[in-house]
Amino acid sequence: MKLFNTLTRKKEEFKPLKEGIVTMYNCGPTVYWYAHIGNFRAYIFADVLRRYLEYKDYKVNQVMNITDVGHMTSNADEGEDKMEVAAKKEGKTPKEIAEFYTNAFIEDWKILNLEEPIKRPKASEHIKDMLNTVQILLDKGYAYEANGSVYFEISKFPEYGKLSHNTMKDLKVGAGGRVEKNSDKKNQLDFALWINDDKHLMNWKSPWSEKGYPGWHLECSVMANKYLGKTIDIKTGGVDNIFPHHECEIAQSEAANDVPYSKYYIHTRHLIIDGKKMSKSVGNFYTIKDLIKRGRSPKAIRYLLLSAHYRSQLNLTEESLDSAEKTVTNLLNFIGRIQETKIEERYNDDLKEKINEVKLRFENSMDDDLNVPEALSAIFDLISETNKAIDEKKINKNNLDEVYEAMMKFDKVLGILEHKKEKIPKVVLDLANKREEARQNKNWKEADKIRDEIKTLGYIIDDSSSGPRLKKV
């Protein structure tokens, strides 16, 4: 299995620190508002990565944080805390804001069928751990205190910039959202570990100030180290996390612990809407529930977000959503068909070979930096061959069971199908049997009348070559 490592800018063979166990930390949401569709592209990528690692029999210890303090509107050290802005705007406390939007996030998480991480640590519940790390960095000479705040001195960490591939010479004031000059900093690119602010709505006492709060970059490092160890296997996030967030995490973690922070850094490209960057001001800012209210199904949303390669930009349009809906419907109908088909012909050895071929193609594609589009192409080939075998009546129950088993195994990674056979009401089944009897007697008028009656009860009949199939409208 090979993954593209942002640190080295190349695909590398994946080898975890401990055989059979993978530690993975995903940068989670700042819970000041609903997570948008672009956020969930990164979260679904991490979910598919985890699922595929588990498919390959790894035990995956996945941690995703909840940021409920310290994330500035500028993504750097200046400006206002996003949590504080939301609290003032809605007339609530930061704690109330955090609780409401955390619950909303987890709701969306479950709607899109993401696996639950082993831990969802909240930044506000790990202040003591953060203070300890800040003190270590001060003691080792990587940080300095100024007017009650503490800053990481990037000139003391020569490798600063190795993830984003910026050199110290390239970095200028204004990069990464840094626009305001801070006279307390030795270098304007030094970043805050602890911020002295007695007016902030969330604050804690520290050795350097009576009232302060942690810097955003510090939080993830501390929680990753606490729950997964000083060096982790995989760090994920969107490309916007590379600089400054992940760059700063590397600096403070490696300075404090004297070991690499993570072996692999994997980042998803942006999602755009109709060719444009998503923005509230443009009116193309969508949450999961926005799309559901517009009639989109959670399965189709999930399918669309995972169907493009994670390192390619994804353009969400009405047409792409329509296509995703159609594809998911076809996938579910296929599963229904192979469950309901009753053909007892000779065992089809060619179909068995096709399953083995598709399984190999699926795994080779996923092993190649999680190439989901190629993996899906292999699955669609299996569907096509199976439908052809059913239509030609060159299949039996053992074949159908094997196809179903293969599809469900693929879906352990994709998380799309999870098909539950619906119990069809007896009145509908009786009418369907009555209609089939009319058709056998070539009483087409009566058969059409019963078809219409079945439709009023919420079901349609698909007359396939393998017999009629009932489907809920």
Foldseek 3Di string as FASTA:
>chain_A
DWAQFLLVRGTDQADFPDPQEAEEEEEDDAQLDADFLFQVLQVLVVQLVCLVSVLVRHHYQYEYEYELWAQAPLSARDHDISLQVSCVVVVHASVVSSVVSVVNHVVLCVQLPGDDHPYHYYLLVCQVLLLVLLVLCVVLPQWDDFQLWIWGNCVVPLCQCSSVVAHPVRDDQCPSRRDDDDPRDPHSPTGTQKAADPPRSDFPCHPRYGTIGGHPLSRSLSVSCVRPNLEGAEYEEAPSCSPPRVSVSQRSSCSNPVDGHYDGYHHFYGEDEPPHRDDVVVPRTGHPVNVVVVVQHSLLSLCQSLQAQRHDYHYDYPVSSVVSVVVLVVVQVLLVCLVPFAFADDADVVLVVLLVVLVVQLVVCCSPNHNNNSNVVSLVVSSVVVLVCSLVSVHHNVSSVSNSVSVVSSCSSSVRHPDDDDDDDPVLVVLQVVLVVCVVVVVVVSNVVSQVVSVVVQWHWDQGSSGIDIDGD
